Amino acid sequence: MTDEGTMDVGKSRGQVPVEQSIEFQERLRRVGGDATLLKLEGAGHGFTHNFPHKYARETLRAAIEFFTKQLVR
């Protein structure tokens, strides 16, 4: 499970352009991995440390859903 803000344009140090996350998801799937990419429209980089933030809550919900699916088989 990976999340990516669509406004994370990858121009500053440490940022990751959304295209890199899309490619990562595609490569994982090609080798048989189960990958989910959550694109957060309007999110920038580094929002998950601020839990009250709506993007952090959305990411946590998606991660719980993904890991529950993976671990409860």
PDB file of N, CA and C in Angstrom:
ATOM      1  N   MET A   1       0.864  -1.164   0.000  1.00  0.00           N
ATOM      2  CA  MET A   1       0.000   0.000   0.000  1.00  0.00           C
ATOM      3  C   MET A   1       0.900   1.213   0.000  1.00  0.00           C
ATOM      4  N   THR A   2       0.659   2.070  -0.916  1.00  0.00           N
ATOM      5  CA  THR A   2       1.404   3.318  -0.961  1.00  0.00           C
ATOM      6  C   THR A   2       0.428   4.459  -1.176  1.00  0.00           C
ATOM      7  N   ASP A   3       0.754   5.600  -0.635  1.00  0.00           N
ATOM      8  CA  ASP A   3      -0.101   6.766  -0.845  1.00  0.00           C
ATOM      9  C   ASP A   3       0.741   7.859  -1.485  1.00  0.00           C
ATOM     10  N   GLU A   4       0.069   8.691  -2.209  1.00  0.00           N
ATOM     11  CA  GLU A   4       0.770   9.734  -2.945  1.00  0.00           C
ATOM     12  C   GLU A   4      -0.136  10.938  -3.088  1.00  0.00           C
ATOM     13  N   GLY A   5       0.378  12.076  -2.704  1.00  0.00           N
ATOM     14  CA  GLY A   5      -0.343  13.318  -2.913  1.00  0.00           C
ATOM     15  C   GLY A   5      -0.133  13.808  -4.334  1.00  0.00           C
ATOM     16  N   THR A   6      -1.189  14.188  -4.981  1.00  0.00           N
ATOM     17  CA  THR A   6      -1.071  14.639  -6.368  1.00  0.00           C
ATOM     18  C   THR A   6      -0.326  15.959  -6.484  1.00  0.00           C
ATOM     19  N   MET A   7      -0.177  16.684  -5.380  1.00  0.00           N
ATOM     20  CA  MET A   7       0.569  17.945  -5.403  1.00  0.00           C
ATOM     21  C   MET A   7       2.026  17.759  -4.963  1.00  0.00           C
ATOM     22  N   ASP A   8       2.423  16.509  -4.725  1.00  0.00           N
ATOM     23  CA  ASP A   8       3.818  16.205  -4.425  1.00  0.00           C
ATOM     24  C   ASP A   8       4.531  16.102  -5.765  1.00  0.00           C
ATOM     25  N   VAL A   9       5.089  17.190  -6.197  1.00  0.00           N
ATOM     26  CA  VAL A   9       5.626  17.274  -7.551  1.00  0.00           C
ATOM     27  C   VAL A   9       7.074  16.806  -7.664  1.00  0.00           C
ATOM     28  N   GLY A  10       7.708  16.508  -6.544  1.00  0.00           N
ATOM     29  CA  GLY A  10       9.053  15.958  -6.586  1.00  0.00           C
ATOM     30  C   GLY A  10      10.140  16.944  -6.933  1.00  0.00           C
ATOM     31  N   LYS A  11       9.933  18.218  -6.696  1.00  0.00           N
ATOM     32  CA  LYS A  11      10.949  19.217  -7.044  1.00  0.00           C
ATOM     33  C   LYS A  11      11.879  19.533  -5.879  1.00  0.00           C
ATOM     34  N   SER A  12      11.424  19.309  -4.664  1.00  0.00           N
ATOM     35  CA  SER A  12      12.259  19.579  -3.486  1.00  0.00           C
ATOM     36  C   SER A  12      12.856  18.274  -2.977  1.00  0.00           C
ATOM     37  N   ARG A  13      13.931  18.390  -2.252  1.00  0.00           N
ATOM     38  CA  ARG A  13      14.594  17.219  -1.695  1.00  0.00           C
ATOM     39  C   ARG A  13      13.622  16.401  -0.849  1.00  0.00           C
ATOM     40  N   GLY A  14      13.580  15.113  -1.103  1.00  0.00           N
ATOM     41  CA  GLY A  14      12.737  14.214  -0.326  1.00  0.00           C
ATOM     42  C   GLY A  14      11.349  14.017  -0.910  1.00  0.00           C
ATOM     43  N   GLN A  15      10.967  14.843  -1.857  1.00  0.00           N
ATOM     44  CA  GLN A  15       9.650  14.668  -2.451  1.00  0.00           C
ATOM     45  C   GLN A  15       9.685  13.568  -3.507  1.00  0.00           C
ATOM     46  N   VAL A  16       8.502  13.032  -3.791  1.00  0.00           N
ATOM     47  CA  VAL A  16       8.371  11.941  -4.745  1.00  0.00           C
ATOM     48  C   VAL A  16       7.265  12.295  -5.733  1.00  0.00           C
ATOM     49  N   PRO A  17       7.596  12.448  -7.018  1.00  0.00           N
ATOM     50  CA  PRO A  17       6.545  12.754  -7.986  1.00  0.00           C
ATOM     51  C   PRO A  17       5.566  11.583  -8.116  1.00  0.00           C
ATOM     52  N   VAL A  18       4.307  11.883  -8.332  1.00  0.00           N
ATOM     53  CA  VAL A  18       3.265  10.854  -8.390  1.00  0.00           C
ATOM     54  C   VAL A  18       3.584   9.800  -9.453  1.00  0.00           C
ATOM     55  N   GLU A  19       4.243  10.172 -10.521  1.00  0.00           N
ATOM     56  CA  GLU A  19       4.588   9.208 -11.569  1.00  0.00           C
ATOM     57  C   GLU A  19       5.486   8.085 -11.038  1.00  0.00           C
ATOM     58  N   GLN A  20       6.347   8.416 -10.083  1.00  0.00           N
ATOM     59  CA  GLN A  20       7.223   7.396  -9.503  1.00  0.00           C
ATOM     60  C   GLN A  20       6.405   6.375  -8.718  1.00  0.00           C
ATOM     61  N   SER A  21       5.396   6.826  -8.014  1.00  0.00           N
ATOM     62  CA  SER A  21       4.550   5.905  -7.257  1.00  0.00           C
ATOM     63  C   SER A  21       3.725   5.025  -8.186  1.00  0.00           C
ATOM     64  N   ILE A  22       3.263   5.599  -9.285  1.00  0.00           N
ATOM     65  CA  ILE A  22       2.505   4.815 -10.271  1.00  0.00           C
ATOM     66  C   ILE A  22       3.398   3.717 -10.847  1.00  0.00           C
ATOM     67  N   GLU A  23       4.627   4.066 -11.203  1.00  0.00           N
ATOM     68  CA  GLU A  23       5.557   3.075 -11.742  1.00  0.00           C
ATOM     69  C   GLU A  23       5.868   1.991 -10.709  1.00  0.00           C
ATOM     70  N   PHE A  24       6.049   2.371  -9.459  1.00  0.00           N
ATOM     71  CA  PHE A  24       6.318   1.411  -8.383  1.00  0.00           C
ATOM     72  C   PHE A  24       5.169   0.416  -8.262  1.00  0.00           C
ATOM     73  N   GLN A  25       3.931   0.918  -8.273  1.00  0.00           N
ATOM     74  CA  GLN A  25       2.767   0.037  -8.186  1.00  0.00           C
ATOM     75  C   GLN A  25       2.728  -0.927  -9.375  1.00  0.00           C
ATOM     76  N   GLU A  26       2.958  -0.424 -10.569  1.00  0.00           N
ATOM     77  CA  GLU A  26       2.933  -1.270 -11.766  1.00  0.00           C
ATOM     78  C   GLU A  26       3.994  -2.365 -11.700  1.00  0.00           C
ATOM     79  N   ARG A  27       5.192  -2.011 -11.246  1.00  0.00           N
ATOM     80  CA  ARG A  27       6.266  -3.012 -11.141  1.00  0.00           C
ATOM     81  C   ARG A  27       5.933  -4.081 -10.096  1.00  0.00           C
ATOM     82  N   LEU A  28       5.397  -3.664  -8.970  1.00  0.00           N
ATOM     83  CA  LEU A  28       5.000  -4.645  -7.951  1.00  0.00           C
ATOM     84  C   LEU A  28       3.977  -5.625  -8.505  1.00  0.00           C
ATOM     85  N   ARG A  29       3.000  -5.119  -9.222  1.00  0.00           N
ATOM     86  CA  ARG A  29       1.972  -5.992  -9.794  1.00  0.00           C
ATOM     87  C   ARG A  29       2.550  -6.931 -10.854  1.00  0.00           C
ATOM     88  N   ARG A  30       3.485  -6.439 -11.658  1.00  0.00           N
ATOM     89  CA  ARG A  30       4.082  -7.284 -12.706  1.00  0.00           C
ATOM     90  C   ARG A  30       4.812  -8.494 -12.132  1.00  0.00           C
ATOM     91  N   VAL A  31       5.368  -8.353 -10.934  1.00  0.00           N
ATOM     92  CA  VAL A  31       6.081  -9.482 -10.324  1.00  0.00           C
ATOM     93  C   VAL A  31       5.192 -10.267  -9.360  1.00  0.00           C
ATOM     94  N   GLY A  32       3.893  -9.999  -9.400  1.00  0.00           N
ATOM     95  CA  GLY A  32       2.947 -10.788  -8.606  1.00  0.00           C
ATOM     96  C   GLY A  32       2.560 -10.202  -7.272  1.00  0.00           C
ATOM     97  N   GLY A  33       2.989  -9.012  -6.978  1.00  0.00           N
ATOM     98  CA  GLY A  33       2.630  -8.384  -5.708  1.00  0.00           C
ATOM     99  C   GLY A  33       1.234  -7.786  -5.743  1.00  0.00           C
ATOM    100  N   ASP A  34       0.649  -7.662  -4.599  1.00  0.00           N
ATOM    101  CA  ASP A  34      -0.644  -6.994  -4.474  1.00  0.00           C
ATOM    102  C   ASP A  34      -0.353  -5.564  -4.035  1.00  0.00           C
ATOM    103  N   ALA A  35      -0.657  -4.627  -4.888  1.00  0.00           N
ATOM    104  CA  ALA A  35      -0.315  -3.233  -4.607  1.00  0.00           C
ATOM    105  C   ALA A  35      -1.535  -2.351  -4.780  1.00  0.00           C
ATOM    106  N   THR A  36      -1.701  -1.435  -3.860  1.00  0.00           N
ATOM    107  CA  THR A  36      -2.761  -0.448  -3.933  1.00  0.00           C
ATOM    108  C   THR A  36      -2.116   0.924  -3.853  1.00  0.00           C
ATOM    109  N   LEU A  37      -2.455   1.770  -4.804  1.00  0.00           N
ATOM    110  CA  LEU A  37      -1.963   3.145  -4.799  1.00  0.00           C
ATOM    111  C   LEU A  37      -3.132   4.059  -4.476  1.00  0.00           C
ATOM    112  N   LEU A  38      -3.003   4.783  -3.413  1.00  0.00           N
ATOM    113  CA  LEU A  38      -4.023   5.738  -2.995  1.00  0.00           C
ATOM    114  C   LEU A  38      -3.555   7.123  -3.415  1.00  0.00           C
ATOM    115  N   LYS A  39      -4.191   7.687  -4.433  1.00  0.00           N
ATOM    116  CA  LYS A  39      -3.841   9.036  -4.881  1.00  0.00           C
ATOM    117  C   LYS A  39      -4.721  10.027  -4.137  1.00  0.00           C
ATOM    118  N   LEU A  40      -4.093  10.925  -3.416  1.00  0.00           N
ATOM    119  CA  LEU A  40      -4.808  11.899  -2.612  1.00  0.00           C
ATOM    120  C   LEU A  40      -4.807  13.235  -3.339  1.00  0.00           C
ATOM    121  N   GLU A  41      -5.927  13.534  -3.944  1.00  0.00           N
ATOM    122  CA  GLU A  41      -6.063  14.740  -4.755  1.00  0.00           C
ATOM    123  C   GLU A  41      -5.815  15.989  -3.918  1.00  0.00           C
ATOM    124  N   GLY A  42      -4.818  16.753  -4.326  1.00  0.00           N
ATOM    125  CA  GLY A  42      -4.513  18.011  -3.658  1.00  0.00           C
ATOM    126  C   GLY A  42      -3.523  17.919  -2.516  1.00  0.00           C
ATOM    127  N   ALA A  43      -3.126  16.692  -2.133  1.00  0.00           N
ATOM    128  CA  ALA A  43      -2.178  16.529  -1.024  1.00  0.00           C
ATOM    129  C   ALA A  43      -0.766  16.813  -1.494  1.00  0.00           C
ATOM    130  N   GLY A  44       0.021  17.380  -0.608  1.00  0.00           N
ATOM    131  CA  GLY A  44       1.432  17.606  -0.874  1.00  0.00           C
ATOM    132  C   GLY A  44       2.254  16.463  -0.322  1.00  0.00           C
ATOM    133  N   HIS A  45       3.469  16.759   0.086  1.00  0.00           N
ATOM    134  CA  HIS A  45       4.385  15.749   0.614  1.00  0.00           C
ATOM    135  C   HIS A  45       4.433  15.843   2.140  1.00  0.00           C
ATOM    136  N   GLY A  46       4.480  14.696   2.805  1.00  0.00           N
ATOM    137  CA  GLY A  46       4.728  14.666   4.235  1.00  0.00           C
ATOM    138  C   GLY A  46       3.554  15.045   5.116  1.00  0.00           C
ATOM    139  N   PHE A  47       2.384  14.548   4.835  1.00  0.00           N
ATOM    140  CA  PHE A  47       1.205  14.898   5.620  1.00  0.00           C
ATOM    141  C   PHE A  47       0.859  13.852   6.672  1.00  0.00           C
ATOM    142  N   THR A  48       1.430  12.655   6.601  1.00  0.00           N
ATOM    143  CA  THR A  48       0.975  11.571   7.484  1.00  0.00           C
ATOM    144  C   THR A  48       1.385  11.748   8.936  1.00  0.00           C
ATOM    145  N   HIS A  49       2.332  12.606   9.245  1.00  0.00           N
ATOM    146  CA  HIS A  49       2.733  12.823  10.638  1.00  0.00           C
ATOM    147  C   HIS A  49       1.713  13.674  11.402  1.00  0.00           C
ATOM    148  N   ASN A  50       0.776  14.259  10.704  1.00  0.00           N
ATOM    149  CA  ASN A  50      -0.202  15.170  11.306  1.00  0.00           C
ATOM    150  C   ASN A  50      -1.569  14.504  11.299  1.00  0.00           C
ATOM    151  N   PHE A  51      -1.809  13.581  12.268  1.00  0.00           N
ATOM    152  CA  PHE A  51      -2.996  12.726  12.202  1.00  0.00           C
ATOM    153  C   PHE A  51      -4.325  13.457  12.072  1.00  0.00           C
ATOM    154  N   PRO A  52      -4.555  14.572  12.701  1.00  0.00           N
ATOM    155  CA  PRO A  52      -5.860  15.193  12.498  1.00  0.00           C
ATOM    156  C   PRO A  52      -6.102  15.625  11.047  1.00  0.00           C
ATOM    157  N   HIS A  53      -5.049  15.712  10.253  1.00  0.00           N
ATOM    158  CA  HIS A  53      -5.171  16.131   8.868  1.00  0.00           C
ATOM    159  C   HIS A  53      -6.005  15.116   8.086  1.00  0.00           C
ATOM    160  N   LYS A  54      -6.893  15.581   7.209  1.00  0.00           N
ATOM    161  CA  LYS A  54      -7.803  14.679   6.495  1.00  0.00           C
ATOM    162  C   LYS A  54      -7.055  13.660   5.644  1.00  0.00           C
ATOM    163  N   TYR A  55      -5.922  14.026   5.052  1.00  0.00           N
ATOM    164  CA  TYR A  55      -5.179  13.080   4.234  1.00  0.00           C
ATOM    165  C   TYR A  55      -4.550  11.992   5.099  1.00  0.00           C
ATOM    166  N   ALA A  56      -4.105  12.348   6.286  1.00  0.00           N
ATOM    167  CA  ALA A  56      -3.534  11.352   7.197  1.00  0.00           C
ATOM    168  C   ALA A  56      -4.606  10.356   7.622  1.00  0.00           C
ATOM    169  N   ARG A  57      -5.794  10.829   7.925  1.00  0.00           N
ATOM    170  CA  ARG A  57      -6.890   9.921   8.305  1.00  0.00           C
ATOM    171  C   ARG A  57      -7.258   8.999   7.151  1.00  0.00           C
ATOM    172  N   GLU A  58      -7.348   9.540   5.948  1.00  0.00           N
ATOM    173  CA  GLU A  58      -7.695   8.743   4.774  1.00  0.00           C
ATOM    174  C   GLU A  58      -6.627   7.677   4.509  1.00  0.00           C
ATOM    175  N   THR A  59      -5.364   8.068   4.672  1.00  0.00           N
ATOM    176  CA  THR A  59      -4.266   7.123   4.466  1.00  0.00           C
ATOM    177  C   THR A  59      -4.320   6.006   5.495  1.00  0.00           C
ATOM    178  N   LEU A  60      -4.555   6.337   6.750  1.00  0.00           N
ATOM    179  CA  LEU A  60      -4.621   5.327   7.801  1.00  0.00           C
ATOM    180  C   LEU A  60      -5.768   4.353   7.545  1.00  0.00           C
ATOM    181  N   ARG A  61      -6.926   4.871   7.159  1.00  0.00           N
ATOM    182  CA  ARG A  61      -8.060   3.985   6.848  1.00  0.00           C
ATOM    183  C   ARG A  61      -7.706   3.018   5.718  1.00  0.00           C
ATOM    184  N   ALA A  62      -7.088   3.529   4.654  1.00  0.00           N
ATOM    185  CA  ALA A  62      -6.719   2.692   3.512  1.00  0.00           C
ATOM    186  C   ALA A  62      -5.659   1.658   3.909  1.00  0.00           C
ATOM    187  N   ALA A  63      -4.700   2.054   4.734  1.00  0.00           N
ATOM    188  CA  ALA A  63      -3.652   1.126   5.167  1.00  0.00           C
ATOM    189  C   ALA A  63      -4.244   0.005   6.017  1.00  0.00           C
ATOM    190  N   ILE A  64      -5.148   0.333   6.922  1.00  0.00           N
ATOM    191  CA  ILE A  64      -5.796  -0.692   7.748  1.00  0.00           C
ATOM    192  C   ILE A  64      -6.566  -1.662   6.865  1.00  0.00           C
ATOM    193  N   GLU A  65      -7.298  -1.141   5.900  1.00  0.00           N
ATOM    194  CA  GLU A  65      -8.060  -1.994   4.980  1.00  0.00           C
ATOM    195  C   GLU A  65      -7.119  -2.913   4.188  1.00  0.00           C
ATOM    196  N   PHE A  66      -6.028  -2.354   3.673  1.00  0.00           N
ATOM    197  CA  PHE A  66      -5.077  -3.136   2.891  1.00  0.00           C
ATOM    198  C   PHE A  66      -4.456  -4.243   3.734  1.00  0.00           C
ATOM    199  N   PHE A  67      -3.936  -3.899   4.922  1.00  0.00           N
ATOM    200  CA  PHE A  67      -3.272  -4.893   5.745  1.00  0.00           C
ATOM    201  C   PHE A  67      -4.249  -5.919   6.299  1.00  0.00           C
ATOM    202  N   THR A  68      -5.450  -5.534   6.589  1.00  0.00           N
ATOM    203  CA  THR A  68      -6.462  -6.497   7.026  1.00  0.00           C
ATOM    204  C   THR A  68      -6.710  -7.527   5.918  1.00  0.00           C
ATOM    205  N   LYS A  69      -6.840  -7.033   4.695  1.00  0.00           N
ATOM    206  CA  LYS A  69      -7.038  -7.918   3.539  1.00  0.00           C
ATOM    207  C   LYS A  69      -5.849  -8.869   3.372  1.00  0.00           C
ATOM    208  N   GLN A  70      -4.636  -8.352   3.543  1.00  0.00           N
ATOM    209  CA  GLN A  70      -3.435  -9.175   3.357  1.00  0.00           C
ATOM    210  C   GLN A  70      -3.225 -10.188   4.467  1.00  0.00           C
ATOM    211  N   LEU A  71      -3.527  -9.815   5.681  1.00  0.00           N
ATOM    212  CA  LEU A  71      -3.216 -10.664   6.829  1.00  0.00           C
ATOM    213  C   LEU A  71      -4.328 -11.615   7.209  1.00  0.00           C
ATOM    214  N   VAL A  72      -5.544 -11.347   6.793  1.00  0.00           N
ATOM    215  CA  VAL A  72      -6.677 -12.202   7.143  1.00  0.00           C
ATOM    216  C   VAL A  72      -7.068 -12.995   5.886  1.00  0.00           C
ATOM    217  N   ARG A  73      -6.291 -14.018   5.625  1.00  0.00           N
ATOM    218  CA  ARG A  73      -6.550 -14.890   4.456  1.00  0.00           C
ATOM    219  C   ARG A  73      -6.808 -16.285   4.903  1.00  0.00           C
TER     220      ARG A  73
END
